[in-house]
Amino acid sequence: MNHAETTNFLEEMQGCFPRISVRDVTIETWKEILDNVPYDTCHKAYIKYLKSGESREPKPGDILSIARTLHKPITVERQDCELCGGRGLLFILEQDGHECVARCSCSNGNLYPHFPVFKSDFYRKNELGRIEVA
């Protein structure tokens, strides 16, 4: 959250918990702790905190720990691919019997950026679905 969002967030919490101060030091402390958390996520975490029935005012760590439990499911539209079958990963069997994993060069392979890209025009699939490099 930025400075203005943090200020608004503290003022919102002050409505239920009057002991929360909205001074510059408090704003900077909350902003530093919740810097990488979006305002909407902090607001949802605050609502969840209120529903939990806690009687004391929330601390920045309370909001951060609840915010970490809130997540959005990642939706990925996989494309049909003849080589990887939409998985994005390829299991490769080299001539010497060594097995390795690589990502497909199709858009599904972008889900695995840390794997090397498999690019070869000469390959065939065996009965287990592994790619045998010629």
N, C-alpha and C. Protein backbone atom coordinates (compact mmCIF):
# COMPACT_ATOMS: atom_id res chain seq x y z
N MET A 1 0.84 -1.18 0.00
CA MET A 1 0.00 0.00 0.00
C MET A 1 0.88 1.23 0.00
N ASN A 2 0.40 2.27 -0.64
CA ASN A 2 1.15 3.52 -0.61
C ASN A 2 0.73 4.34 0.63
N HIS A 3 1.27 5.54 0.76
CA HIS A 3 1.04 6.37 1.95
C HIS A 3 -0.44 6.73 2.12
N ALA A 4 -1.10 7.14 1.04
CA ALA A 4 -2.51 7.54 1.12
C ALA A 4 -3.40 6.34 1.46
N GLU A 5 -3.12 5.19 0.85
CA GLU A 5 -3.91 3.99 1.15
C GLU A 5 -3.73 3.56 2.60
N THR A 6 -2.50 3.64 3.08
CA THR A 6 -2.23 3.27 4.47
C THR A 6 -2.97 4.21 5.42
N THR A 7 -2.97 5.49 5.11
CA THR A 7 -3.69 6.47 5.94
C THR A 7 -5.18 6.15 5.96
N ASN A 8 -5.75 5.90 4.78
CA ASN A 8 -7.17 5.55 4.71
C ASN A 8 -7.47 4.27 5.47
N PHE A 9 -6.59 3.30 5.37
CA PHE A 9 -6.77 2.03 6.05
C PHE A 9 -6.78 2.21 7.57
N LEU A 10 -5.85 3.02 8.08
CA LEU A 10 -5.79 3.27 9.52
C LEU A 10 -7.02 4.05 9.99
N GLU A 11 -7.46 5.00 9.19
CA GLU A 11 -8.66 5.77 9.55
C GLU A 11 -9.89 4.86 9.57
N GLU A 12 -9.94 3.92 8.64
CA GLU A 12 -11.04 2.96 8.61
C GLU A 12 -11.04 2.11 9.89
N MET A 13 -9.87 1.65 10.30
CA MET A 13 -9.78 0.82 11.50
C MET A 13 -10.06 1.64 12.75
N GLN A 14 -9.77 2.92 12.71
CA GLN A 14 -9.98 3.79 13.86
C GLN A 14 -11.48 3.89 14.20
N GLY A 15 -12.33 3.64 13.22
CA GLY A 15 -13.77 3.66 13.48
C GLY A 15 -14.19 2.59 14.47
N CYS A 16 -13.58 1.43 14.41
CA CYS A 16 -13.89 0.34 15.34
C CYS A 16 -12.94 0.30 16.53
N PHE A 17 -11.73 0.77 16.33
CA PHE A 17 -10.71 0.73 17.38
C PHE A 17 -10.14 2.14 17.56
N PRO A 18 -10.77 2.97 18.40
CA PRO A 18 -10.35 4.37 18.55
C PRO A 18 -8.92 4.56 19.05
N ARG A 19 -8.33 3.53 19.65
CA ARG A 19 -6.95 3.68 20.17
C ARG A 19 -5.91 3.66 19.05
N ILE A 20 -6.29 3.29 17.86
CA ILE A 20 -5.33 3.30 16.75
C ILE A 20 -5.09 4.75 16.35
N SER A 21 -3.83 5.12 16.35
CA SER A 21 -3.50 6.51 15.99
C SER A 21 -3.17 6.60 14.51
N VAL A 22 -3.38 7.78 13.97
CA VAL A 22 -3.09 8.03 12.56
C VAL A 22 -2.02 9.11 12.48
N ARG A 23 -0.93 8.89 13.20
CA ARG A 23 0.20 9.82 13.16
C ARG A 23 1.17 9.37 12.07
N ASP A 24 2.08 10.25 11.70
CA ASP A 24 3.03 9.94 10.63
C ASP A 24 3.88 8.71 10.96
N VAL A 25 4.29 8.58 12.22
CA VAL A 25 5.12 7.43 12.61
C VAL A 25 4.33 6.14 12.45
N THR A 26 3.08 6.16 12.86
CA THR A 26 2.23 4.97 12.75
C THR A 26 2.00 4.62 11.29
N ILE A 27 1.72 5.63 10.49
CA ILE A 27 1.48 5.41 9.06
C ILE A 27 2.71 4.80 8.42
N GLU A 28 3.88 5.32 8.71
CA GLU A 28 5.12 4.81 8.12
C GLU A 28 5.39 3.37 8.56
N THR A 29 5.11 3.07 9.82
CA THR A 29 5.33 1.71 10.32
C THR A 29 4.41 0.72 9.60
N TRP A 30 3.12 1.04 9.54
CA TRP A 30 2.18 0.17 8.86
C TRP A 30 2.51 0.06 7.38
N LYS A 31 2.89 1.18 6.77
CA LYS A 31 3.23 1.17 5.34
C LYS A 31 4.44 0.29 5.08
N GLU A 32 5.43 0.36 5.94
CA GLU A 32 6.64 -0.45 5.76
C GLU A 32 6.33 -1.94 5.86
N ILE A 33 5.48 -2.32 6.81
CA ILE A 33 5.17 -3.73 7.00
C ILE A 33 4.24 -4.26 5.90
N LEU A 34 3.28 -3.43 5.47
CA LEU A 34 2.30 -3.86 4.47
C LEU A 34 2.59 -3.30 3.09
N ASP A 35 3.84 -2.98 2.83
CA ASP A 35 4.22 -2.33 1.57
C ASP A 35 3.87 -3.15 0.33
N ASN A 36 4.07 -4.45 0.38
CA ASN A 36 3.84 -5.29 -0.79
C ASN A 36 2.45 -5.92 -0.84
N VAL A 37 1.58 -5.50 0.07
CA VAL A 37 0.23 -6.06 0.11
C VAL A 37 -0.75 -5.03 -0.45
N PRO A 38 -1.55 -5.39 -1.44
CA PRO A 38 -2.51 -4.44 -2.01
C PRO A 38 -3.57 -4.02 -0.99
N TYR A 39 -4.12 -2.84 -1.18
CA TYR A 39 -5.13 -2.29 -0.27
C TYR A 39 -6.33 -3.22 -0.14
N ASP A 40 -6.81 -3.77 -1.26
CA ASP A 40 -7.98 -4.66 -1.22
C ASP A 40 -7.72 -5.88 -0.36
N THR A 41 -6.52 -6.43 -0.45
CA THR A 41 -6.18 -7.60 0.35
C THR A 41 -6.13 -7.24 1.83
N CYS A 42 -5.57 -6.06 2.16
CA CYS A 42 -5.53 -5.62 3.56
C CYS A 42 -6.94 -5.41 4.09
N HIS A 43 -7.80 -4.84 3.26
CA HIS A 43 -9.19 -4.62 3.68
C HIS A 43 -9.89 -5.95 3.96
N LYS A 44 -9.70 -6.93 3.08
CA LYS A 44 -10.30 -8.25 3.29
C LYS A 44 -9.73 -8.90 4.57
N ALA A 45 -8.44 -8.71 4.79
CA ALA A 45 -7.81 -9.27 6.00
C ALA A 45 -8.39 -8.59 7.25
N TYR A 46 -8.64 -7.30 7.17
CA TYR A 46 -9.22 -6.57 8.30
C TYR A 46 -10.63 -7.07 8.59
N ILE A 47 -11.43 -7.28 7.56
CA ILE A 47 -12.78 -7.81 7.73
C ILE A 47 -12.72 -9.19 8.38
N LYS A 48 -11.79 -10.01 7.92
CA LYS A 48 -11.64 -11.36 8.48
C LYS A 48 -11.22 -11.26 9.95
N TYR A 49 -10.37 -10.28 10.27
CA TYR A 49 -9.94 -10.06 11.66
C TYR A 49 -11.14 -9.68 12.52
N LEU A 50 -11.99 -8.79 12.00
CA LEU A 50 -13.18 -8.38 12.75
C LEU A 50 -14.11 -9.57 13.00
N LYS A 51 -14.26 -10.42 12.01
CA LYS A 51 -15.14 -11.58 12.14
C LYS A 51 -14.60 -12.62 13.11
N SER A 52 -13.29 -12.57 13.36
CA SER A 52 -12.69 -13.56 14.26
C SER A 52 -13.05 -13.31 15.72
N GLY A 53 -13.56 -12.10 16.01
CA GLY A 53 -14.01 -11.80 17.38
C GLY A 53 -12.94 -11.32 18.31
N GLU A 54 -11.79 -10.95 17.78
CA GLU A 54 -10.72 -10.43 18.63
C GLU A 54 -11.19 -9.12 19.29
N SER A 55 -10.82 -8.92 20.55
CA SER A 55 -11.25 -7.72 21.26
C SER A 55 -10.21 -6.60 21.19
N ARG A 56 -8.98 -6.96 20.93
CA ARG A 56 -7.94 -5.93 20.86
C ARG A 56 -7.81 -5.42 19.43
N GLU A 57 -7.21 -4.23 19.32
CA GLU A 57 -7.02 -3.67 17.98
C GLU A 57 -5.97 -4.48 17.22
N PRO A 58 -6.13 -4.56 15.91
CA PRO A 58 -5.16 -5.34 15.13
C PRO A 58 -3.81 -4.65 15.03
N LYS A 59 -2.80 -5.45 15.01
CA LYS A 59 -1.42 -4.98 14.78
C LYS A 59 -1.08 -5.21 13.32
N PRO A 60 -0.05 -4.55 12.80
CA PRO A 60 0.30 -4.77 11.39
C PRO A 60 0.59 -6.24 11.08
N GLY A 61 1.20 -6.94 12.03
CA GLY A 61 1.50 -8.36 11.83
C GLY A 61 0.26 -9.21 11.72
N ASP A 62 -0.80 -8.82 12.45
CA ASP A 62 -2.07 -9.55 12.36
C ASP A 62 -2.65 -9.46 10.95
N ILE A 63 -2.65 -8.24 10.42
CA ILE A 63 -3.19 -8.02 9.08
C ILE A 63 -2.33 -8.73 8.04
N LEU A 64 -1.01 -8.67 8.22
CA LEU A 64 -0.10 -9.31 7.27
C LEU A 64 -0.28 -10.83 7.28
N SER A 65 -0.38 -11.42 8.47
CA SER A 65 -0.52 -12.88 8.52
C SER A 65 -1.85 -13.34 7.94
N ILE A 66 -2.91 -12.58 8.16
CA ILE A 66 -4.20 -12.94 7.56
C ILE A 66 -4.15 -12.73 6.05
N ALA A 67 -3.53 -11.63 5.62
CA ALA A 67 -3.43 -11.33 4.18
C ALA A 67 -2.68 -12.44 3.45
N ARG A 68 -1.71 -13.04 4.10
CA ARG A 68 -0.95 -14.13 3.46
C ARG A 68 -1.79 -15.38 3.26
N THR A 69 -2.84 -15.52 4.07
CA THR A 69 -3.70 -16.69 3.91
C THR A 69 -4.73 -16.49 2.81
N LEU A 70 -4.96 -15.24 2.44
CA LEU A 70 -5.91 -14.95 1.37
C LEU A 70 -5.18 -15.08 0.04
N HIS A 71 -5.73 -15.80 -0.87
CA HIS A 71 -5.08 -15.96 -2.15
C HIS A 71 -6.13 -16.06 -3.24
N LYS A 72 -5.72 -15.74 -4.41
CA LYS A 72 -6.58 -15.87 -5.56
C LYS A 72 -6.11 -17.08 -6.36
N PRO A 73 -7.02 -17.92 -6.77
CA PRO A 73 -6.60 -19.06 -7.58
C PRO A 73 -6.07 -18.58 -8.93
N ILE A 74 -5.02 -19.21 -9.37
CA ILE A 74 -4.43 -18.86 -10.66
C ILE A 74 -5.17 -19.62 -11.74
N THR A 75 -5.74 -18.89 -12.65
CA THR A 75 -6.44 -19.54 -13.76
C THR A 75 -5.56 -19.46 -15.00
N VAL A 76 -5.32 -20.60 -15.56
CA VAL A 76 -4.46 -20.68 -16.73
C VAL A 76 -5.23 -21.37 -17.84
N GLU A 77 -5.27 -20.72 -18.98
CA GLU A 77 -5.89 -21.35 -20.13
C GLU A 77 -4.81 -22.07 -20.91
N ARG A 78 -4.89 -23.34 -20.90
CA ARG A 78 -3.89 -24.14 -21.62
C ARG A 78 -4.30 -24.30 -23.07
N GLN A 79 -3.32 -24.24 -23.92
CA GLN A 79 -3.54 -24.38 -25.35
C GLN A 79 -3.27 -25.82 -25.76
N ASP A 80 -3.95 -26.28 -26.78
CA ASP A 80 -3.67 -27.61 -27.30
C ASP A 80 -2.31 -27.59 -27.97
N CYS A 81 -1.52 -28.60 -27.66
CA CYS A 81 -0.19 -28.71 -28.24
C CYS A 81 0.05 -30.18 -28.54
N GLU A 82 0.47 -30.45 -29.75
CA GLU A 82 0.73 -31.83 -30.16
C GLU A 82 1.92 -32.43 -29.42
N LEU A 83 2.89 -31.60 -29.11
CA LEU A 83 4.12 -32.08 -28.49
C LEU A 83 3.95 -32.38 -27.00
N CYS A 84 3.40 -31.41 -26.24
CA CYS A 84 3.31 -31.59 -24.78
C CYS A 84 1.92 -31.98 -24.30
N GLY A 85 0.94 -31.96 -25.17
CA GLY A 85 -0.42 -32.32 -24.78
C GLY A 85 -1.07 -31.30 -23.85
N GLY A 86 -0.57 -30.05 -23.85
CA GLY A 86 -1.13 -29.01 -23.01
C GLY A 86 -0.52 -28.90 -21.63
N ARG A 87 0.43 -29.79 -21.32
CA ARG A 87 1.06 -29.75 -19.99
C ARG A 87 2.10 -28.66 -19.87
N GLY A 88 2.81 -28.38 -20.95
CA GLY A 88 3.89 -27.40 -20.90
C GLY A 88 5.24 -28.02 -20.57
N LEU A 89 5.24 -29.20 -20.00
CA LEU A 89 6.47 -29.91 -19.66
C LEU A 89 6.66 -31.11 -20.56
N LEU A 90 7.91 -31.40 -20.85
CA LEU A 90 8.26 -32.56 -21.67
C LEU A 90 9.24 -33.43 -20.89
N PHE A 91 9.04 -34.71 -20.96
CA PHE A 91 9.96 -35.66 -20.34
C PHE A 91 10.80 -36.25 -21.48
N ILE A 92 12.09 -36.05 -21.39
CA ILE A 92 12.97 -36.39 -22.50
C ILE A 92 13.88 -37.55 -22.10
N LEU A 93 14.01 -38.49 -23.01
CA LEU A 93 14.89 -39.64 -22.84
C LEU A 93 15.97 -39.53 -23.90
N GLU A 94 17.20 -39.30 -23.45
CA GLU A 94 18.30 -39.13 -24.39
C GLU A 94 18.84 -40.50 -24.82
N GLN A 95 19.68 -40.51 -25.84
CA GLN A 95 20.21 -41.75 -26.40
C GLN A 95 20.98 -42.57 -25.37
N ASP A 96 21.65 -41.91 -24.44
CA ASP A 96 22.44 -42.62 -23.44
C ASP A 96 21.61 -43.11 -22.26
N GLY A 97 20.27 -42.93 -22.32
CA GLY A 97 19.39 -43.38 -21.25
C GLY A 97 19.11 -42.33 -20.19
N HIS A 98 19.77 -41.19 -20.29
CA HIS A 98 19.56 -40.10 -19.33
C HIS A 98 18.19 -39.48 -19.53
N GLU A 99 17.44 -39.31 -18.44
CA GLU A 99 16.13 -38.67 -18.52
C GLU A 99 16.22 -37.26 -17.97
N CYS A 100 15.50 -36.33 -18.57
CA CYS A 100 15.47 -34.96 -18.09
C CYS A 100 14.10 -34.35 -18.39
N VAL A 101 13.88 -33.17 -17.86
CA VAL A 101 12.63 -32.46 -18.06
C VAL A 101 12.96 -31.11 -18.69
N ALA A 102 12.13 -30.71 -19.63
CA ALA A 102 12.28 -29.41 -20.28
C ALA A 102 10.89 -28.85 -20.50
N ARG A 103 10.85 -27.57 -20.77
CA ARG A 103 9.54 -26.99 -21.07
C ARG A 103 9.34 -26.95 -22.57
N CYS A 104 8.09 -27.02 -22.94
CA CYS A 104 7.73 -27.00 -24.35
C CYS A 104 7.90 -25.58 -24.90
N SER A 105 8.14 -25.47 -26.18
CA SER A 105 8.31 -24.15 -26.79
C SER A 105 6.97 -23.47 -27.06
N CYS A 106 5.84 -24.17 -26.79
CA CYS A 106 4.53 -23.55 -26.98
C CYS A 106 4.22 -22.62 -25.80
N SER A 107 3.07 -21.96 -25.85
CA SER A 107 2.72 -21.00 -24.79
C SER A 107 2.52 -21.68 -23.43
N ASN A 108 2.18 -22.97 -23.41
CA ASN A 108 2.04 -23.68 -22.14
C ASN A 108 3.37 -23.77 -21.39
N GLY A 109 4.45 -23.79 -22.11
CA GLY A 109 5.77 -23.86 -21.50
C GLY A 109 6.13 -22.62 -20.71
N ASN A 110 5.43 -21.50 -20.97
CA ASN A 110 5.70 -20.26 -20.23
C ASN A 110 5.35 -20.38 -18.75
N LEU A 111 4.61 -21.41 -18.37
CA LEU A 111 4.28 -21.62 -16.97
C LEU A 111 5.50 -22.08 -16.17
N TYR A 112 6.53 -22.53 -16.85
CA TYR A 112 7.73 -23.06 -16.20
C TYR A 112 8.97 -22.32 -16.70
N PRO A 113 9.13 -21.06 -16.32
CA PRO A 113 10.22 -20.26 -16.87
C PRO A 113 11.62 -20.70 -16.47
N HIS A 114 11.74 -21.50 -15.42
CA HIS A 114 13.07 -21.90 -14.95
C HIS A 114 13.61 -23.15 -15.63
N PHE A 115 12.78 -23.82 -16.40
CA PHE A 115 13.24 -25.00 -17.13
C PHE A 115 13.77 -24.58 -18.49
N PRO A 116 14.73 -25.31 -19.03
CA PRO A 116 15.22 -25.00 -20.38
C PRO A 116 14.15 -25.35 -21.41
N VAL A 117 14.18 -24.64 -22.52
CA VAL A 117 13.21 -24.86 -23.59
C VAL A 117 13.70 -26.00 -24.48
N PHE A 118 12.80 -26.91 -24.82
CA PHE A 118 13.13 -28.01 -25.72
C PHE A 118 12.81 -27.58 -27.14
N LYS A 119 13.84 -27.58 -27.98
CA LYS A 119 13.66 -27.25 -29.39
C LYS A 119 14.42 -28.29 -30.21
N SER A 120 13.70 -29.11 -30.90
CA SER A 120 14.31 -30.10 -31.76
C SER A 120 13.30 -30.52 -32.81
N ASP A 121 13.78 -30.68 -34.01
CA ASP A 121 12.91 -31.13 -35.09
C ASP A 121 12.93 -32.65 -35.23
N PHE A 122 13.91 -33.28 -34.60
CA PHE A 122 14.08 -34.73 -34.74
C PHE A 122 13.82 -35.41 -33.40
N TYR A 123 12.63 -35.91 -33.23
CA TYR A 123 12.25 -36.60 -32.02
C TYR A 123 11.10 -37.55 -32.32
N ARG A 124 10.88 -38.44 -31.38
CA ARG A 124 9.70 -39.31 -31.46
C ARG A 124 9.28 -39.64 -30.04
N LYS A 125 8.01 -39.95 -29.86
CA LYS A 125 7.51 -40.31 -28.54
C LYS A 125 7.51 -41.82 -28.40
N ASN A 126 7.90 -42.30 -27.21
CA ASN A 126 7.84 -43.73 -26.96
C ASN A 126 6.49 -44.10 -26.35
N GLU A 127 6.32 -45.35 -25.96
CA GLU A 127 5.03 -45.81 -25.45
C GLU A 127 4.69 -45.19 -24.10
N LEU A 128 5.66 -44.66 -23.36
CA LEU A 128 5.40 -44.01 -22.09
C LEU A 128 5.17 -42.51 -22.23
N GLY A 129 5.20 -41.99 -23.45
CA GLY A 129 4.98 -40.58 -23.69
C GLY A 129 6.22 -39.73 -23.56
N ARG A 130 7.37 -40.39 -23.33
CA ARG A 130 8.62 -39.65 -23.25
C ARG A 130 9.13 -39.36 -24.66
N ILE A 131 9.83 -38.26 -24.78
CA ILE A 131 10.38 -37.88 -26.08
C ILE A 131 11.78 -38.45 -26.20
N GLU A 132 11.99 -39.23 -27.25
CA GLU A 132 13.31 -39.80 -27.49
C GLU A 132 14.00 -38.92 -28.51
N VAL A 133 15.14 -38.38 -28.08
CA VAL A 133 15.90 -37.49 -28.95
C VAL A 133 16.74 -38.33 -29.88
N ALA A 134 16.66 -38.03 -31.17
CA ALA A 134 17.40 -38.79 -32.17
C ALA A 134 18.82 -38.27 -32.31
